[in-house]
Amino acid sequence: MNNSKRYKRLTVFLAFTFALLIVDFLEACPTCKESLSENNKELIQGYFWSIMFMMAMPFSILTGISTYFYLLVRKKKKGERLDS
């Protein structure tokens, strides 16, 4: 195995291990921590829906742009068939 690949794998492994070890020490900001500790159901649902909408946006944008290009290509092919 090449030394650069070995160092790269070792670096990724150490970074992953470090991330797993430090997760226990990380906490939310004080405002979020206090709000969530009260079991405020509306706030938790608000966070849930905002994450869902943010995750849906890239797929919606990609679908819209892909549909637009597909329709352009289809329109162009249809126009070429009529001309020849």
PDB file of N, CA and C in Angstrom:
ATOM      1  N   MET A   1       0.845  -1.174   0.000  1.00  0.00           N
ATOM      2  CA  MET A   1       0.000   0.000   0.000  1.00  0.00           C
ATOM      3  C   MET A   1       0.893   1.241   0.000  1.00  0.00           C
ATOM      4  N   ASN A   2       0.506   2.229  -0.743  1.00  0.00           N
ATOM      5  CA  ASN A   2       1.256   3.465  -0.859  1.00  0.00           C
ATOM      6  C   ASN A   2       1.213   4.229   0.477  1.00  0.00           C
ATOM      7  N   ASN A   3       2.329   4.889   0.824  1.00  0.00           N
ATOM      8  CA  ASN A   3       2.403   5.620   2.096  1.00  0.00           C
ATOM      9  C   ASN A   3       1.383   6.740   2.181  1.00  0.00           C
ATOM     10  N   SER A   4       1.134   7.446   1.062  1.00  0.00           N
ATOM     11  CA  SER A   4       0.170   8.549   1.104  1.00  0.00           C
ATOM     12  C   SER A   4      -1.237   8.026   1.381  1.00  0.00           C
ATOM     13  N   LYS A   5      -1.575   6.867   0.826  1.00  0.00           N
ATOM     14  CA  LYS A   5      -2.886   6.283   1.106  1.00  0.00           C
ATOM     15  C   LYS A   5      -2.980   5.851   2.565  1.00  0.00           C
ATOM     16  N   ARG A   6      -1.896   5.313   3.081  1.00  0.00           N
ATOM     17  CA  ARG A   6      -1.877   4.866   4.472  1.00  0.00           C
ATOM     18  C   ARG A   6      -2.057   6.064   5.413  1.00  0.00           C
ATOM     19  N   TYR A   7      -1.364   7.176   5.128  1.00  0.00           N
ATOM     20  CA  TYR A   7      -1.500   8.372   5.960  1.00  0.00           C
ATOM     21  C   TYR A   7      -2.904   8.960   5.857  1.00  0.00           C
ATOM     22  N   LYS A   8      -3.454   8.913   4.668  1.00  0.00           N
ATOM     23  CA  LYS A   8      -4.801   9.447   4.469  1.00  0.00           C
ATOM     24  C   LYS A   8      -5.818   8.625   5.269  1.00  0.00           C
ATOM     25  N   ARG A   9      -5.697   7.308   5.219  1.00  0.00           N
ATOM     26  CA  ARG A   9      -6.609   6.457   5.975  1.00  0.00           C
ATOM     27  C   ARG A   9      -6.428   6.646   7.479  1.00  0.00           C
ATOM     28  N   LEU A  10      -5.181   6.780   7.912  1.00  0.00           N
ATOM     29  CA  LEU A  10      -4.909   7.000   9.326  1.00  0.00           C
ATOM     30  C   LEU A  10      -5.502   8.326   9.791  1.00  0.00           C
ATOM     31  N   THR A  11      -5.389   9.351   8.974  1.00  0.00           N
ATOM     32  CA  THR A  11      -5.940  10.664   9.303  1.00  0.00           C
ATOM     33  C   THR A  11      -7.456  10.600   9.426  1.00  0.00           C
ATOM     34  N   VAL A  12      -8.112   9.935   8.475  1.00  0.00           N
ATOM     35  CA  VAL A  12      -9.565   9.804   8.526  1.00  0.00           C
ATOM     36  C   VAL A  12      -9.976   9.024   9.765  1.00  0.00           C
ATOM     37  N   PHE A  13      -9.265   7.955  10.065  1.00  0.00           N
ATOM     38  CA  PHE A  13      -9.580   7.143  11.247  1.00  0.00           C
ATOM     39  C   PHE A  13      -9.427   7.960  12.529  1.00  0.00           C
ATOM     40  N   LEU A  14      -8.341   8.710  12.641  1.00  0.00           N
ATOM     41  CA  LEU A  14      -8.123   9.516  13.839  1.00  0.00           C
ATOM     42  C   LEU A  14      -9.160  10.621  13.974  1.00  0.00           C
ATOM     43  N   ALA A  15      -9.525  11.240  12.866  1.00  0.00           N
ATOM     44  CA  ALA A  15     -10.544  12.289  12.910  1.00  0.00           C
ATOM     45  C   ALA A  15     -11.888  11.718  13.340  1.00  0.00           C
ATOM     46  N   PHE A  16     -12.247  10.559  12.801  1.00  0.00           N
ATOM     47  CA  PHE A  16     -13.503   9.908  13.167  1.00  0.00           C
ATOM     48  C   PHE A  16     -13.501   9.516  14.643  1.00  0.00           C
ATOM     49  N   THR A  17     -12.405   8.958  15.111  1.00  0.00           N
ATOM     50  CA  THR A  17     -12.293   8.570  16.520  1.00  0.00           C
ATOM     51  C   THR A  17     -12.385   9.790  17.428  1.00  0.00           C
ATOM     52  N   PHE A  18     -11.716  10.870  17.059  1.00  0.00           N
ATOM     53  CA  PHE A  18     -11.759  12.105  17.832  1.00  0.00           C
ATOM     54  C   PHE A  18     -13.186  12.651  17.880  1.00  0.00           C
ATOM     55  N   ALA A  19     -13.894  12.606  16.749  1.00  0.00           N
ATOM     56  CA  ALA A  19     -15.273  13.096  16.712  1.00  0.00           C
ATOM     57  C   ALA A  19     -16.169  12.268  17.622  1.00  0.00           C
ATOM     58  N   LEU A  20     -15.966  10.962  17.636  1.00  0.00           N
ATOM     59  CA  LEU A  20     -16.774  10.114  18.511  1.00  0.00           C
ATOM     60  C   LEU A  20     -16.494  10.387  19.983  1.00  0.00           C
ATOM     61  N   LEU A  21     -15.245  10.690  20.309  1.00  0.00           N
ATOM     62  CA  LEU A  21     -14.892  10.938  21.706  1.00  0.00           C
ATOM     63  C   LEU A  21     -15.375  12.293  22.197  1.00  0.00           C
ATOM     64  N   ILE A  22     -15.394  13.279  21.327  1.00  0.00           N
ATOM     65  CA  ILE A  22     -15.745  14.631  21.743  1.00  0.00           C
ATOM     66  C   ILE A  22     -17.249  14.871  21.758  1.00  0.00           C
ATOM     67  N   VAL A  23     -18.038  13.998  21.163  1.00  0.00           N
ATOM     68  CA  VAL A  23     -19.485  14.201  21.097  1.00  0.00           C
ATOM     69  C   VAL A  23     -20.103  14.332  22.483  1.00  0.00           C
ATOM     70  N   ASP A  24     -19.609  13.590  23.453  1.00  0.00           N
ATOM     71  CA  ASP A  24     -20.180  13.659  24.799  1.00  0.00           C
ATOM     72  C   ASP A  24     -19.986  15.018  25.456  1.00  0.00           C
ATOM     73  N   PHE A  25     -18.968  15.745  25.064  1.00  0.00           N
ATOM     74  CA  PHE A  25     -18.677  17.023  25.692  1.00  0.00           C
ATOM     75  C   PHE A  25     -19.423  18.190  25.046  1.00  0.00           C
ATOM     76  N   LEU A  26     -19.930  18.002  23.840  1.00  0.00           N
ATOM     77  CA  LEU A  26     -20.609  19.086  23.135  1.00  0.00           C
ATOM     78  C   LEU A  26     -22.046  19.215  23.606  1.00  0.00           C
ATOM     79  N   GLU A  27     -22.502  20.444  23.727  1.00  0.00           N
ATOM     80  CA  GLU A  27     -23.868  20.701  24.151  1.00  0.00           C
ATOM     81  C   GLU A  27     -24.456  21.809  23.293  1.00  0.00           C
ATOM     82  N   ALA A  28     -25.769  21.926  23.342  1.00  0.00           N
ATOM     83  CA  ALA A  28     -26.451  22.976  22.600  1.00  0.00           C
ATOM     84  C   ALA A  28     -26.238  24.319  23.298  1.00  0.00           C
ATOM     85  N   CYS A  29     -26.613  25.385  22.610  1.00  0.00           N
ATOM     86  CA  CYS A  29     -26.521  26.703  23.244  1.00  0.00           C
ATOM     87  C   CYS A  29     -27.485  26.743  24.428  1.00  0.00           C
ATOM     88  N   PRO A  30     -27.252  27.591  25.414  1.00  0.00           N
ATOM     89  CA  PRO A  30     -28.086  27.601  26.626  1.00  0.00           C
ATOM     90  C   PRO A  30     -29.577  27.824  26.362  1.00  0.00           C
ATOM     91  N   THR A  31     -29.905  28.669  25.397  1.00  0.00           N
ATOM     92  CA  THR A  31     -31.319  28.933  25.115  1.00  0.00           C
ATOM     93  C   THR A  31     -32.007  27.689  24.577  1.00  0.00           C
ATOM     94  N   CYS A  32     -31.388  27.020  23.630  1.00  0.00           N
ATOM     95  CA  CYS A  32     -31.979  25.810  23.061  1.00  0.00           C
ATOM     96  C   CYS A  32     -32.041  24.705  24.109  1.00  0.00           C
ATOM     97  N   LYS A  33     -31.014  24.614  24.915  1.00  0.00           N
ATOM     98  CA  LYS A  33     -30.972  23.563  25.932  1.00  0.00           C
ATOM     99  C   LYS A  33     -32.107  23.749  26.943  1.00  0.00           C
ATOM    100  N   GLU A  34     -32.346  24.982  27.385  1.00  0.00           N
ATOM    101  CA  GLU A  34     -33.427  25.240  28.334  1.00  0.00           C
ATOM    102  C   GLU A  34     -34.788  25.014  27.696  1.00  0.00           C
ATOM    103  N   SER A  35     -34.948  25.423  26.459  1.00  0.00           N
ATOM    104  CA  SER A  35     -36.240  25.266  25.790  1.00  0.00           C
ATOM    105  C   SER A  35     -36.583  23.805  25.590  1.00  0.00           C
ATOM    106  N   LEU A  36     -35.604  23.007  25.203  1.00  0.00           N
ATOM    107  CA  LEU A  36     -35.865  21.605  24.944  1.00  0.00           C
ATOM    108  C   LEU A  36     -35.992  20.803  26.235  1.00  0.00           C
ATOM    109  N   SER A  37     -35.395  21.284  27.308  1.00  0.00           N
ATOM    110  CA  SER A  37     -35.488  20.541  28.566  1.00  0.00           C
ATOM    111  C   SER A  37     -36.887  20.628  29.167  1.00  0.00           C
ATOM    112  N   GLU A  38     -37.661  21.625  28.780  1.00  0.00           N
ATOM    113  CA  GLU A  38     -39.023  21.774  29.280  1.00  0.00           C
ATOM    114  C   GLU A  38     -40.004  20.884  28.521  1.00  0.00           C
ATOM    115  N   ASN A  39     -39.537  20.101  27.555  1.00  0.00           N
ATOM    116  CA  ASN A  39     -40.382  19.250  26.720  1.00  0.00           C
ATOM    117  C   ASN A  39     -41.459  20.065  26.012  1.00  0.00           C
ATOM    118  N   ASN A  40     -41.067  21.171  25.451  1.00  0.00           N
ATOM    119  CA  ASN A  40     -41.968  22.025  24.707  1.00  0.00           C
ATOM    120  C   ASN A  40     -42.250  21.365  23.357  1.00  0.00           C
ATOM    121  N   LYS A  41     -43.389  20.703  23.246  1.00  0.00           N
ATOM    122  CA  LYS A  41     -43.699  19.897  22.076  1.00  0.00           C
ATOM    123  C   LYS A  41     -43.796  20.744  20.798  1.00  0.00           C
ATOM    124  N   GLU A  42     -44.362  21.943  20.900  1.00  0.00           N
ATOM    125  CA  GLU A  42     -44.498  22.793  19.715  1.00  0.00           C
ATOM    126  C   GLU A  42     -43.134  23.208  19.165  1.00  0.00           C
ATOM    127  N   LEU A  43     -42.201  23.509  20.065  1.00  0.00           N
ATOM    128  CA  LEU A  43     -40.864  23.906  19.636  1.00  0.00           C
ATOM    129  C   LEU A  43     -40.152  22.751  18.941  1.00  0.00           C
ATOM    130  N   ILE A  44     -40.281  21.562  19.495  1.00  0.00           N
ATOM    131  CA  ILE A  44     -39.649  20.388  18.893  1.00  0.00           C
ATOM    132  C   ILE A  44     -40.249  20.109  17.524  1.00  0.00           C
ATOM    133  N   GLN A  45     -41.567  20.229  17.389  1.00  0.00           N
ATOM    134  CA  GLN A  45     -42.199  20.036  16.079  1.00  0.00           C
ATOM    135  C   GLN A  45     -41.753  21.111  15.102  1.00  0.00           C
ATOM    136  N   GLY A  46     -41.555  22.328  15.583  1.00  0.00           N
ATOM    137  CA  GLY A  46     -41.066  23.397  14.719  1.00  0.00           C
ATOM    138  C   GLY A  46     -39.676  23.097  14.177  1.00  0.00           C
ATOM    139  N   TYR A  47     -38.790  22.625  15.043  1.00  0.00           N
ATOM    140  CA  TYR A  47     -37.456  22.221  14.586  1.00  0.00           C
ATOM    141  C   TYR A  47     -37.549  21.092  13.565  1.00  0.00           C
ATOM    142  N   PHE A  48     -38.427  20.120  13.838  1.00  0.00           N
ATOM    143  CA  PHE A  48     -38.591  18.979  12.935  1.00  0.00           C
ATOM    144  C   PHE A  48     -39.017  19.439  11.544  1.00  0.00           C
ATOM    145  N   TRP A  49     -40.049  20.284  11.474  1.00  0.00           N
ATOM    146  CA  TRP A  49     -40.549  20.713  10.164  1.00  0.00           C
ATOM    147  C   TRP A  49     -39.561  21.622   9.448  1.00  0.00           C
ATOM    148  N   SER A  50     -38.836  22.450  10.171  1.00  0.00           N
ATOM    149  CA  SER A  50     -37.850  23.302   9.504  1.00  0.00           C
ATOM    150  C   SER A  50     -36.734  22.460   8.901  1.00  0.00           C
ATOM    151  N   ILE A  51     -36.314  21.402   9.582  1.00  0.00           N
ATOM    152  CA  ILE A  51     -35.298  20.502   9.040  1.00  0.00           C
ATOM    153  C   ILE A  51     -35.845  19.773   7.822  1.00  0.00           C
ATOM    154  N   MET A  52     -37.093  19.326   7.876  1.00  0.00           N
ATOM    155  CA  MET A  52     -37.694  18.626   6.734  1.00  0.00           C
ATOM    156  C   MET A  52     -37.749  19.532   5.505  1.00  0.00           C
ATOM    157  N   PHE A  53     -38.164  20.785   5.679  1.00  0.00           N
ATOM    158  CA  PHE A  53     -38.231  21.706   4.540  1.00  0.00           C
ATOM    159  C   PHE A  53     -36.841  22.011   3.984  1.00  0.00           C
ATOM    160  N   MET A  54     -35.860  22.183   4.873  1.00  0.00           N
ATOM    161  CA  MET A  54     -34.496  22.440   4.398  1.00  0.00           C
ATOM    162  C   MET A  54     -33.938  21.253   3.635  1.00  0.00           C
ATOM    163  N   MET A  55     -34.259  20.037   4.070  1.00  0.00           N
ATOM    164  CA  MET A  55     -33.783  18.844   3.367  1.00  0.00           C
ATOM    165  C   MET A  55     -34.497  18.667   2.029  1.00  0.00           C
ATOM    166  N   ALA A  56     -35.739  19.130   1.920  1.00  0.00           N
ATOM    167  CA  ALA A  56     -36.509  18.970   0.689  1.00  0.00           C
ATOM    168  C   ALA A  56     -36.097  19.971  -0.388  1.00  0.00           C
ATOM    169  N   MET A  57     -35.545  21.103  -0.019  1.00  0.00           N
ATOM    170  CA  MET A  57     -35.230  22.139  -0.990  1.00  0.00           C
ATOM    171  C   MET A  57     -34.240  21.705  -2.086  1.00  0.00           C
ATOM    172  N   PRO A  58     -33.108  21.085  -1.769  1.00  0.00           N
ATOM    173  CA  PRO A  58     -32.199  20.690  -2.854  1.00  0.00           C
ATOM    174  C   PRO A  58     -32.851  19.735  -3.853  1.00  0.00           C
ATOM    175  N   PHE A  59     -33.668  18.808  -3.356  1.00  0.00           N
ATOM    176  CA  PHE A  59     -34.341  17.878  -4.254  1.00  0.00           C
ATOM    177  C   PHE A  59     -35.379  18.595  -5.109  1.00  0.00           C
ATOM    178  N   SER A  60     -36.089  19.546  -4.531  1.00  0.00           N
ATOM    179  CA  SER A  60     -37.085  20.300  -5.290  1.00  0.00           C
ATOM    180  C   SER A  60     -36.427  21.143  -6.373  1.00  0.00           C
ATOM    181  N   ILE A  61     -35.336  21.798  -6.038  1.00  0.00           N
ATOM    182  CA  ILE A  61     -34.628  22.631  -7.012  1.00  0.00           C
ATOM    183  C   ILE A  61     -34.061  21.773  -8.131  1.00  0.00           C
ATOM    184  N   LEU A  62     -33.431  20.654  -7.784  1.00  0.00           N
ATOM    185  CA  LEU A  62     -32.876  19.755  -8.788  1.00  0.00           C
ATOM    186  C   LEU A  62     -33.963  19.199  -9.704  1.00  0.00           C
ATOM    187  N   THR A  63     -35.101  18.820  -9.133  1.00  0.00           N
ATOM    188  CA  THR A  63     -36.208  18.311  -9.938  1.00  0.00           C
ATOM    189  C   THR A  63     -36.739  19.377 -10.879  1.00  0.00           C
ATOM    190  N   GLY A  64     -36.878  20.600 -10.396  1.00  0.00           N
ATOM    191  CA  GLY A  64     -37.363  21.696 -11.235  1.00  0.00           C
ATOM    192  C   GLY A  64     -36.434  21.991 -12.396  1.00  0.00           C
ATOM    193  N   ILE A  65     -35.147  22.076 -12.127  1.00  0.00           N
ATOM    194  CA  ILE A  65     -34.179  22.367 -13.184  1.00  0.00           C
ATOM    195  C   ILE A  65     -34.103  21.212 -14.175  1.00  0.00           C
ATOM    196  N   SER A  66     -34.130  19.977 -13.686  1.00  0.00           N
ATOM    197  CA  SER A  66     -34.081  18.809 -14.569  1.00  0.00           C
ATOM    198  C   SER A  66     -35.311  18.749 -15.466  1.00  0.00           C
ATOM    199  N   THR A  67     -36.476  19.034 -14.916  1.00  0.00           N
ATOM    200  CA  THR A  67     -37.707  19.046 -15.716  1.00  0.00           C
ATOM    201  C   THR A  67     -37.639  20.124 -16.786  1.00  0.00           C
ATOM    202  N   TYR A  68     -37.136  21.283 -16.431  1.00  0.00           N
ATOM    203  CA  TYR A  68     -37.002  22.375 -17.397  1.00  0.00           C
ATOM    204  C   TYR A  68     -36.099  21.969 -18.562  1.00  0.00           C
ATOM    205  N   PHE A  69     -34.936  21.380 -18.260  1.00  0.00           N
ATOM    206  CA  PHE A  69     -34.027  20.959 -19.326  1.00  0.00           C
ATOM    207  C   PHE A  69     -34.625  19.832 -20.160  1.00  0.00           C
ATOM    208  N   TYR A  70     -35.317  18.904 -19.508  1.00  0.00           N
ATOM    209  CA  TYR A  70     -35.959  17.815 -20.241  1.00  0.00           C
ATOM    210  C   TYR A  70     -36.980  18.366 -21.231  1.00  0.00           C
ATOM    211  N   LEU A  71     -37.801  19.330 -20.797  1.00  0.00           N
ATOM    212  CA  LEU A  71     -38.799  19.912 -21.684  1.00  0.00           C
ATOM    213  C   LEU A  71     -38.153  20.696 -22.831  1.00  0.00           C
ATOM    214  N   LEU A  72     -37.039  21.368 -22.539  1.00  0.00           N
ATOM    215  CA  LEU A  72     -36.326  22.082 -23.609  1.00  0.00           C
ATOM    216  C   LEU A  72     -35.808  21.116 -24.676  1.00  0.00           C
ATOM    217  N   VAL A  73     -35.205  20.021 -24.242  1.00  0.00           N
ATOM    218  CA  VAL A  73     -34.665  19.035 -25.182  1.00  0.00           C
ATOM    219  C   VAL A  73     -35.800  18.402 -25.976  1.00  0.00           C
ATOM    220  N   ARG A  74     -36.888  18.071 -25.288  1.00  0.00           N
ATOM    221  CA  ARG A  74     -38.031  17.457 -25.971  1.00  0.00           C
ATOM    222  C   ARG A  74     -38.643  18.407 -27.002  1.00  0.00           C
ATOM    223  N   LYS A  75     -38.737  19.686 -26.653  1.00  0.00           N
ATOM    224  CA  LYS A  75     -39.273  20.685 -27.576  1.00  0.00           C
ATOM    225  C   LYS A  75     -38.361  20.842 -28.793  1.00  0.00           C
ATOM    226  N   LYS A  76     -37.046  20.835 -28.552  1.00  0.00           N
ATOM    227  CA  LYS A  76     -36.077  20.978 -29.639  1.00  0.00           C
ATOM    228  C   LYS A  76     -36.150  19.780 -30.587  1.00  0.00           C
ATOM    229  N   LYS A  77     -36.223  18.545 -30.040  1.00  0.00           N
ATOM    230  CA  LYS A  77     -36.306  17.351 -30.881  1.00  0.00           C
ATOM    231  C   LYS A  77     -37.604  17.341 -31.683  1.00  0.00           C
ATOM    232  N   LYS A  78     -38.676  17.767 -31.076  1.00  0.00           N
ATOM    233  CA  LYS A  78     -39.961  17.809 -31.761  1.00  0.00           C
ATOM    234  C   LYS A  78     -39.920  18.814 -32.911  1.00  0.00           C
ATOM    235  N   GLY A  79     -39.261  19.948 -32.708  1.00  0.00           N
ATOM    236  CA  GLY A  79     -39.123  20.970 -33.746  1.00  0.00           C
ATOM    237  C   GLY A  79     -38.270  20.482 -34.899  1.00  0.00           C
ATOM    238  N   GLU A  80     -37.215  19.714 -34.641  1.00  0.00           N
ATOM    239  CA  GLU A  80     -36.331  19.208 -35.696  1.00  0.00           C
ATOM    240  C   GLU A  80     -37.046  18.174 -36.547  1.00  0.00           C
ATOM    241  N   ARG A  81     -37.889  17.364 -35.989  1.00  0.00           N
ATOM    242  CA  ARG A  81     -38.612  16.358 -36.753  1.00  0.00           C
ATOM    243  C   ARG A  81     -39.561  17.002 -37.743  1.00  0.00           C
ATOM    244  N   LEU A  82     -40.196  18.112 -37.340  1.00  0.00           N
ATOM    245  CA  LEU A  82     -41.137  18.782 -38.226  1.00  0.00           C
ATOM    246  C   LEU A  82     -40.425  19.471 -39.382  1.00  0.00           C
ATOM    247  N   ASP A  83     -39.211  19.974 -39.169  1.00  0.00           N
ATOM    248  CA  ASP A  83     -38.472  20.702 -40.206  1.00  0.00           C
ATOM    249  C   ASP A  83     -37.895  19.778 -41.270  1.00  0.00           C
ATOM    250  N   SER A  84     -37.517  18.548 -40.948  1.00  0.00           N
ATOM    251  CA  SER A  84     -36.839  17.689 -41.915  1.00  0.00           C
ATOM    252  C   SER A  84     -37.782  16.882 -42.750  1.00  0.00           C
TER     253      SER A  84
END
